[in-house]
């Protein structure tokens, strides 16, 4: 039991640490990051219940429709909803990169609970594959969601709604494509590898952009106070 829980948690903590430590300036309070992480774990259960009902009732039978609505949209909406209404308006969310930290935290909380449940049901032999695919993909979707929430937080009113829409729509579309690939059992392996490489490239590009925006903000602020002090 301990080995399963450890294997379920370890990749999430490694990825969360990786993205958390990339915050060069004012790191987010660890207590707040963990709160969002555990919130992500909790929302697994209502989502699994809804997915179970959809599966039993056979509401969605077409592969892409199933991947989009019963998996991607459902999971990303819950993560986005709680992220938006718990942390987006918080005083702790005071820099662009903060969106990425919290987006990754809620996504990896979700991935951790899902991963532990899966390993309990199917065994440790799947731990490595789960770490490389579902867990890391959730983290990358969280990066993209958090990046656009950060853009929305620190832009003008005209762009705000667009970036909020992007923060839900883009991760959902990428998640749907990811699940659609996995549903195609005959071709999924040669397709999922370049897709995951693309996801990593896109997420790291967003990390770089958010950090650059943060650097520019701090440079401008420091210049202002320096000039004011003359």
C-alpha atoms as a PDB file:
ATOM      1  CA  UNK A   1       0.000   0.000   0.000  1.00  0.00           C
ATOM      2  CA  UNK A   2       2.808   2.424   0.946  1.00  0.00           C
ATOM      3  CA  UNK A   3       4.679   1.672  -2.278  1.00  0.00           C
ATOM      4  CA  UNK A   4       1.576   2.385  -4.380  1.00  0.00           C
ATOM      5  CA  UNK A   5       0.898   5.694  -2.631  1.00  0.00           C
ATOM      6  CA  UNK A   6       4.565   6.676  -2.963  1.00  0.00           C
ATOM      7  CA  UNK A   7       4.622   5.781  -6.652  1.00  0.00           C
ATOM      8  CA  UNK A   8       1.395   7.726  -7.156  1.00  0.00           C
ATOM      9  CA  UNK A   9       2.651  10.856  -5.421  1.00  0.00           C
ATOM     10  CA  UNK A  10       6.328  10.988  -6.429  1.00  0.00           C
ATOM     11  CA  UNK A  11       6.013  12.130 -10.071  1.00  0.00           C
ATOM     12  CA  UNK A  12       3.529  14.854  -9.128  1.00  0.00           C
ATOM     13  CA  UNK A  13       5.751  16.254  -6.390  1.00  0.00           C
ATOM     14  CA  UNK A  14       8.750  16.173  -8.726  1.00  0.00           C
ATOM     15  CA  UNK A  15       6.894  18.123 -11.420  1.00  0.00           C
ATOM     16  CA  UNK A  16       5.344  20.543  -8.924  1.00  0.00           C
ATOM     17  CA  UNK A  17       8.791  21.245  -7.468  1.00  0.00           C
ATOM     18  CA  UNK A  18      10.212  21.798 -10.961  1.00  0.00           C
ATOM     19  CA  UNK A  19       7.661  24.463 -11.880  1.00  0.00           C
ATOM     20  CA  UNK A  20       7.505  25.971  -8.381  1.00  0.00           C
ATOM     21  CA  UNK A  21      11.266  26.545  -8.267  1.00  0.00           C
ATOM     22  CA  UNK A  22      11.208  28.367 -11.586  1.00  0.00           C
ATOM     23  CA  UNK A  23       9.578  31.339  -9.843  1.00  0.00           C
ATOM     24  CA  UNK A  24      12.589  33.650  -9.665  1.00  0.00           C
ATOM     25  CA  UNK A  25      11.083  36.405  -7.550  1.00  0.00           C
ATOM     26  CA  UNK A  26       8.465  36.133  -4.814  1.00  0.00           C
ATOM     27  CA  UNK A  27       7.727  32.422  -4.448  1.00  0.00           C
ATOM     28  CA  UNK A  28       4.135  31.561  -3.613  1.00  0.00           C
ATOM     29  CA  UNK A  29       3.368  30.504  -0.014  1.00  0.00           C
ATOM     30  CA  UNK A  30       3.862  26.746   0.103  1.00  0.00           C
ATOM     31  CA  UNK A  31       0.784  26.410   2.318  1.00  0.00           C
ATOM     32  CA  UNK A  32      -1.374  28.032  -0.375  1.00  0.00           C
ATOM     33  CA  UNK A  33       0.146  25.912  -3.160  1.00  0.00           C
ATOM     34  CA  UNK A  34      -0.532  22.726  -1.176  1.00  0.00           C
ATOM     35  CA  UNK A  35      -4.087  23.874  -0.449  1.00  0.00           C
ATOM     36  CA  UNK A  36      -4.741  24.144  -4.187  1.00  0.00           C
ATOM     37  CA  UNK A  37      -2.986  20.791  -4.741  1.00  0.00           C
ATOM     38  CA  UNK A  38      -5.291  19.040  -2.245  1.00  0.00           C
ATOM     39  CA  UNK A  39      -8.300  20.780  -3.758  1.00  0.00           C
ATOM     40  CA  UNK A  40      -7.283  19.192  -7.065  1.00  0.00           C
ATOM     41  CA  UNK A  41      -7.238  15.793  -5.347  1.00  0.00           C
ATOM     42  CA  UNK A  42     -10.742  16.274  -3.949  1.00  0.00           C
ATOM     43  CA  UNK A  43     -12.384  17.198  -7.255  1.00  0.00           C
ATOM     44  CA  UNK A  44     -11.430  13.813  -8.719  1.00  0.00           C
ATOM     45  CA  UNK A  45     -14.357  12.167  -6.949  1.00  0.00           C
ATOM     46  CA  UNK A  46     -17.319  14.179  -8.326  1.00  0.00           C
ATOM     47  CA  UNK A  47     -15.718  14.033 -11.779  1.00  0.00           C
ATOM     48  CA  UNK A  48     -15.337  10.242 -11.617  1.00  0.00           C
ATOM     49  CA  UNK A  49     -18.979   9.935 -10.538  1.00  0.00           C
ATOM     50  CA  UNK A  50     -20.193  12.018 -13.509  1.00  0.00           C
ATOM     51  CA  UNK A  51     -17.950  10.051 -15.889  1.00  0.00           C
ATOM     52  CA  UNK A  52     -19.311   6.789 -14.503  1.00  0.00           C
ATOM     53  CA  UNK A  53     -22.900   7.932 -15.123  1.00  0.00           C
ATOM     54  CA  UNK A  54     -22.048   9.004 -18.684  1.00  0.00           C
ATOM     55  CA  UNK A  55     -20.386   5.645 -19.347  1.00  0.00           C
ATOM     56  CA  UNK A  56     -23.261   3.576 -17.908  1.00  0.00           C
ATOM     57  CA  UNK A  57     -25.892   5.544 -19.792  1.00  0.00           C
ATOM     58  CA  UNK A  58     -23.749   5.452 -22.963  1.00  0.00           C
ATOM     59  CA  UNK A  59     -24.487   9.099 -23.593  1.00  0.00           C
ATOM     60  CA  UNK A  60     -21.367   9.676 -25.695  1.00  0.00           C
ATOM     61  CA  UNK A  61     -20.274   6.947 -28.100  1.00  0.00           C
ATOM     62  CA  UNK A  62     -18.242   8.777 -30.767  1.00  0.00           C
ATOM     63  CA  UNK A  63     -14.562   8.726 -29.815  1.00  0.00           C
ATOM     64  CA  UNK A  64     -13.706  12.414 -30.212  1.00  0.00           C
ATOM     65  CA  UNK A  65     -17.008  13.549 -28.658  1.00  0.00           C
ATOM     66  CA  UNK A  66     -16.338  11.222 -25.744  1.00  0.00           C
ATOM     67  CA  UNK A  67     -12.742  12.473 -25.404  1.00  0.00           C
ATOM     68  CA  UNK A  68     -13.848  16.112 -25.546  1.00  0.00           C
ATOM     69  CA  UNK A  69     -16.960  16.153 -23.347  1.00  0.00           C
ATOM     70  CA  UNK A  70     -16.730  13.300 -20.858  1.00  0.00           C
ATOM     71  CA  UNK A  71     -12.993  13.615 -20.214  1.00  0.00           C
ATOM     72  CA  UNK A  72     -11.314  16.824 -21.357  1.00  0.00           C
ATOM     73  CA  UNK A  73     -14.037  19.429 -20.883  1.00  0.00           C
ATOM     74  CA  UNK A  74     -15.311  17.897 -17.652  1.00  0.00           C
ATOM     75  CA  UNK A  75     -11.873  17.646 -16.036  1.00  0.00           C
ATOM     76  CA  UNK A  76     -10.475  20.956 -17.280  1.00  0.00           C
ATOM     77  CA  UNK A  77     -13.665  22.845 -16.417  1.00  0.00           C
ATOM     78  CA  UNK A  78     -13.634  21.621 -12.815  1.00  0.00           C
ATOM     79  CA  UNK A  79      -9.958  22.543 -12.454  1.00  0.00           C
ATOM     80  CA  UNK A  80     -10.500  25.922 -14.113  1.00  0.00           C
ATOM     81  CA  UNK A  81     -13.638  26.683 -12.095  1.00  0.00           C
ATOM     82  CA  UNK A  82     -12.034  26.082  -8.701  1.00  0.00           C
ATOM     83  CA  UNK A  83      -8.811  27.776  -9.738  1.00  0.00           C
ATOM     84  CA  UNK A  84     -10.690  30.835 -10.939  1.00  0.00           C
ATOM     85  CA  UNK A  85     -12.947  31.167  -7.898  1.00  0.00           C
ATOM     86  CA  UNK A  86     -10.416  30.261  -5.191  1.00  0.00           C
ATOM     87  CA  UNK A  87      -7.104  31.785  -6.228  1.00  0.00           C
ATOM     88  CA  UNK A  88      -7.541  34.068  -9.253  1.00  0.00           C
ATOM     89  CA  UNK A  89      -8.840  36.958  -7.139  1.00  0.00           C
ATOM     90  CA  UNK A  90      -6.576  36.218  -4.179  1.00  0.00           C
ATOM     91  CA  UNK A  91      -3.949  38.726  -3.066  1.00  0.00           C
ATOM     92  CA  UNK A  92      -1.411  35.893  -3.336  1.00  0.00           C
ATOM     93  CA  UNK A  93      -1.912  35.884  -7.111  1.00  0.00           C
ATOM     94  CA  UNK A  94       0.180  38.996  -7.674  1.00  0.00           C
ATOM     95  CA  UNK A  95       2.524  38.023 -10.521  1.00  0.00           C
ATOM     96  CA  UNK A  96       2.065  36.536 -13.980  1.00  0.00           C
ATOM     97  CA  UNK A  97       3.995  33.333 -13.193  1.00  0.00           C
ATOM     98  CA  UNK A  98       1.768  32.665 -10.159  1.00  0.00           C
ATOM     99  CA  UNK A  99      -0.943  31.459 -12.531  1.00  0.00           C
ATOM    100  CA  UNK A 100       1.372  28.692 -13.729  1.00  0.00           C
ATOM    101  CA  UNK A 101       2.273  27.638 -10.183  1.00  0.00           C
ATOM    102  CA  UNK A 102      -1.387  27.335  -9.148  1.00  0.00           C
ATOM    103  CA  UNK A 103      -2.475  25.831 -12.481  1.00  0.00           C
ATOM    104  CA  UNK A 104       0.155  23.110 -12.099  1.00  0.00           C
ATOM    105  CA  UNK A 105      -0.762  22.599  -8.427  1.00  0.00           C
ATOM    106  CA  UNK A 106      -4.468  21.935  -9.017  1.00  0.00           C
ATOM    107  CA  UNK A 107      -3.757  19.804 -12.084  1.00  0.00           C
ATOM    108  CA  UNK A 108      -1.166  17.671 -10.300  1.00  0.00           C
ATOM    109  CA  UNK A 109      -3.451  17.293  -7.297  1.00  0.00           C
ATOM    110  CA  UNK A 110      -6.056  15.883  -9.658  1.00  0.00           C
ATOM    111  CA  UNK A 111      -3.471  13.687 -11.402  1.00  0.00           C
ATOM    112  CA  UNK A 112      -2.151  12.364  -8.085  1.00  0.00           C
ATOM    113  CA  UNK A 113      -5.520  11.180  -6.783  1.00  0.00           C
ATOM    114  CA  UNK A 114      -6.369   9.690 -10.180  1.00  0.00           C
ATOM    115  CA  UNK A 115      -2.961   7.999 -10.343  1.00  0.00           C
ATOM    116  CA  UNK A 116      -3.175   6.451  -6.878  1.00  0.00           C
ATOM    117  CA  UNK A 117      -6.648   5.055  -7.581  1.00  0.00           C
ATOM    118  CA  UNK A 118      -5.467   3.620 -10.896  1.00  0.00           C
ATOM    119  CA  UNK A 119      -2.385   1.968  -9.351  1.00  0.00           C
ATOM    120  CA  UNK A 120      -4.486   0.440  -6.572  1.00  0.00           C
ATOM    121  CA  UNK A 121      -6.742  -1.081  -9.203  1.00  0.00           C
ATOM    122  CA  UNK A 122      -4.100  -2.168 -11.714  1.00  0.00           C
ATOM    123  CA  UNK A 123      -0.757  -2.506  -9.949  1.00  0.00           C
ATOM    124  CA  UNK A 124       2.661  -0.862  -9.758  1.00  0.00           C
ATOM    125  CA  UNK A 125       3.719  -2.127 -13.178  1.00  0.00           C
ATOM    126  CA  UNK A 126       1.895   0.873 -14.683  1.00  0.00           C
ATOM    127  CA  UNK A 127       3.593   3.467 -12.458  1.00  0.00           C
ATOM    128  CA  UNK A 128       6.265   4.546 -14.964  1.00  0.00           C
ATOM    129  CA  UNK A 129       3.847   4.827 -17.879  1.00  0.00           C
ATOM    130  CA  UNK A 130       1.402   6.798 -15.745  1.00  0.00           C
ATOM    131  CA  UNK A 131       4.164   9.194 -14.682  1.00  0.00           C
ATOM    132  CA  UNK A 132       5.268   9.827 -18.264  1.00  0.00           C
ATOM    133  CA  UNK A 133       1.802  10.265 -19.760  1.00  0.00           C
ATOM    134  CA  UNK A 134      -1.261  11.104 -17.604  1.00  0.00           C
ATOM    135  CA  UNK A 135       0.589  12.813 -14.741  1.00  0.00           C
ATOM    136  CA  UNK A 136       2.932  14.900 -16.887  1.00  0.00           C
ATOM    137  CA  UNK A 137       0.182  15.769 -19.379  1.00  0.00           C
ATOM    138  CA  UNK A 138      -2.027  17.116 -16.561  1.00  0.00           C
ATOM    139  CA  UNK A 139       0.891  19.241 -15.362  1.00  0.00           C
ATOM    140  CA  UNK A 140       1.388  20.642 -18.869  1.00  0.00           C
ATOM    141  CA  UNK A 141      -2.312  21.410 -19.289  1.00  0.00           C
ATOM    142  CA  UNK A 142      -2.067  23.194 -15.939  1.00  0.00           C
ATOM    143  CA  UNK A 143       0.858  25.289 -17.185  1.00  0.00           C
ATOM    144  CA  UNK A 144      -1.147  26.471 -20.167  1.00  0.00           C
ATOM    145  CA  UNK A 145      -4.278  27.144 -18.109  1.00  0.00           C
ATOM    146  CA  UNK A 146      -2.282  29.081 -15.529  1.00  0.00           C
ATOM    147  CA  UNK A 147      -0.368  31.030 -18.159  1.00  0.00           C
ATOM    148  CA  UNK A 148      -3.549  32.442 -19.685  1.00  0.00           C
ATOM    149  CA  UNK A 149      -5.072  33.156 -16.269  1.00  0.00           C
ATOM    150  CA  UNK A 150      -1.910  35.106 -15.500  1.00  0.00           C
ATOM    151  CA  UNK A 151      -2.313  37.011 -18.769  1.00  0.00           C
ATOM    152  CA  UNK A 152      -5.936  37.729 -17.886  1.00  0.00           C
ATOM    153  CA  UNK A 153      -5.027  38.947 -14.393  1.00  0.00           C
ATOM    154  CA  UNK A 154      -2.536  41.534 -15.608  1.00  0.00           C
ATOM    155  CA  UNK A 155      -3.980  42.853 -18.865  1.00  0.00           C
ATOM    156  CA  UNK A 156      -6.493  45.510 -19.823  1.00  0.00           C
ATOM    157  CA  UNK A 157     -10.245  44.914 -19.538  1.00  0.00           C
ATOM    158  CA  UNK A 158     -10.677  44.406 -23.285  1.00  0.00           C
ATOM    159  CA  UNK A 159      -8.246  41.458 -23.377  1.00  0.00           C
ATOM    160  CA  UNK A 160      -9.264  40.024 -20.005  1.00  0.00           C
ATOM    161  CA  UNK A 161     -12.256  37.993 -21.223  1.00  0.00           C
ATOM    162  CA  UNK A 162     -10.309  36.637 -24.191  1.00  0.00           C
ATOM    163  CA  UNK A 163      -7.500  35.301 -22.012  1.00  0.00           C
ATOM    164  CA  UNK A 164      -9.966  33.845 -19.495  1.00  0.00           C
ATOM    165  CA  UNK A 165     -11.629  32.008 -22.380  1.00  0.00           C
ATOM    166  CA  UNK A 166      -8.236  30.816 -23.632  1.00  0.00           C
ATOM    167  CA  UNK A 167      -7.386  29.542 -20.134  1.00  0.00           C
ATOM    168  CA  UNK A 168     -10.235  27.025 -20.389  1.00  0.00           C
ATOM    169  CA  UNK A 169     -10.503  26.411 -24.122  1.00  0.00           C
ATOM    170  CA  UNK A 170      -6.867  25.717 -25.054  1.00  0.00           C
ATOM    171  CA  UNK A 171      -6.124  23.158 -22.284  1.00  0.00           C
ATOM    172  CA  UNK A 172      -9.469  21.479 -23.041  1.00  0.00           C
ATOM    173  CA  UNK A 173      -8.705  21.119 -26.750  1.00  0.00           C
ATOM    174  CA  UNK A 174      -5.202  19.789 -26.069  1.00  0.00           C
ATOM    175  CA  UNK A 175      -6.577  17.387 -23.454  1.00  0.00           C
ATOM    176  CA  UNK A 176      -9.259  16.168 -25.865  1.00  0.00           C
ATOM    177  CA  UNK A 177      -6.653  15.531 -28.553  1.00  0.00           C
ATOM    178  CA  UNK A 178      -4.479  13.666 -26.043  1.00  0.00           C
ATOM    179  CA  UNK A 179      -7.358  11.385 -25.005  1.00  0.00           C
ATOM    180  CA  UNK A 180      -8.492  10.877 -28.587  1.00  0.00           C
ATOM    181  CA  UNK A 181      -4.994   9.620 -29.465  1.00  0.00           C
ATOM    182  CA  UNK A 182      -5.100   7.146 -26.563  1.00  0.00           C
ATOM    183  CA  UNK A 183      -8.511   5.871 -27.672  1.00  0.00           C
ATOM    184  CA  UNK A 184      -6.986   4.856 -31.014  1.00  0.00           C
ATOM    185  CA  UNK A 185      -5.283   1.740 -29.657  1.00  0.00           C
ATOM    186  CA  UNK A 186      -3.697   0.671 -32.975  1.00  0.00           C
ATOM    187  CA  UNK A 187      -1.827   3.919 -33.597  1.00  0.00           C
ATOM    188  CA  UNK A 188      -1.516   5.647 -30.236  1.00  0.00           C
ATOM    189  CA  UNK A 189       2.128   4.874 -29.415  1.00  0.00           C
ATOM    190  CA  UNK A 190       3.865   6.439 -32.457  1.00  0.00           C
ATOM    191  CA  UNK A 191       1.530   9.462 -32.239  1.00  0.00           C
ATOM    192  CA  UNK A 192       1.581  10.142 -28.502  1.00  0.00           C
ATOM    193  CA  UNK A 193       5.366  10.547 -28.332  1.00  0.00           C
ATOM    194  CA  UNK A 194       5.582  13.547 -30.719  1.00  0.00           C
ATOM    195  CA  UNK A 195       2.403  14.947 -29.173  1.00  0.00           C
ATOM    196  CA  UNK A 196       3.934  14.850 -25.674  1.00  0.00           C
ATOM    197  CA  UNK A 197       7.120  16.453 -26.993  1.00  0.00           C
ATOM    198  CA  UNK A 198       4.968  19.196 -28.504  1.00  0.00           C
ATOM    199  CA  UNK A 199       3.156  19.663 -25.175  1.00  0.00           C
ATOM    200  CA  UNK A 200       6.465  20.010 -23.323  1.00  0.00           C
ATOM    201  CA  UNK A 201       7.748  22.485 -25.907  1.00  0.00           C
ATOM    202  CA  UNK A 202       4.539  24.560 -25.687  1.00  0.00           C
ATOM    203  CA  UNK A 203       4.428  24.501 -21.876  1.00  0.00           C
ATOM    204  CA  UNK A 204       8.086  25.473 -21.480  1.00  0.00           C
ATOM    205  CA  UNK A 205       7.568  28.254 -24.013  1.00  0.00           C
ATOM    206  CA  UNK A 206       4.710  29.574 -21.827  1.00  0.00           C
ATOM    207  CA  UNK A 207       6.901  29.288 -18.731  1.00  0.00           C
ATOM    208  CA  UNK A 208       9.610  31.323 -20.459  1.00  0.00           C
ATOM    209  CA  UNK A 209       7.096  33.955 -21.590  1.00  0.00           C
ATOM    210  CA  UNK A 210       5.554  34.268 -18.103  1.00  0.00           C
ATOM    211  CA  UNK A 211       8.984  34.623 -16.508  1.00  0.00           C
ATOM    212  CA  UNK A 212       9.952  37.251 -19.083  1.00  0.00           C
ATOM    213  CA  UNK A 213       6.780  39.234 -18.330  1.00  0.00           C
ATOM    214  CA  UNK A 214       7.601  38.951 -14.643  1.00  0.00           C
ATOM    215  CA  UNK A 215      11.194  40.113 -15.235  1.00  0.00           C
ATOM    216  CA  UNK A 216       9.962  43.096 -17.249  1.00  0.00           C
ATOM    217  CA  UNK A 217       7.499  44.027 -14.502  1.00  0.00           C
ATOM    218  CA  UNK A 218      10.155  43.918 -11.780  1.00  0.00           C
ATOM    219  CA  UNK A 219      12.664  45.784 -13.941  1.00  0.00           C
ATOM    220  CA  UNK A 220      10.102  48.524 -14.631  1.00  0.00           C
ATOM    221  CA  UNK A 221       9.145  48.728 -10.944  1.00  0.00           C
ATOM    222  CA  UNK A 222      12.765  48.918  -9.801  1.00  0.00           C
ATOM    223  CA  UNK A 223      13.536  51.591 -12.391  1.00  0.00           C
ATOM    224  CA  UNK A 224      10.537  53.632 -11.258  1.00  0.00           C
ATOM    225  CA  UNK A 225      11.517  53.522  -7.590  1.00  0.00           C
ATOM    226  CA  UNK A 226      15.147  54.197  -8.439  1.00  0.00           C
ATOM    227  CA  UNK A 227      14.237  57.242 -10.516  1.00  0.00           C
ATOM    228  CA  UNK A 228      11.781  58.430  -7.857  1.00  0.00           C
ATOM    229  CA  UNK A 229      14.478  58.282  -5.241  1.00  0.00           C
ATOM    230  CA  UNK A 230      16.821  60.646  -7.074  1.00  0.00           C
END
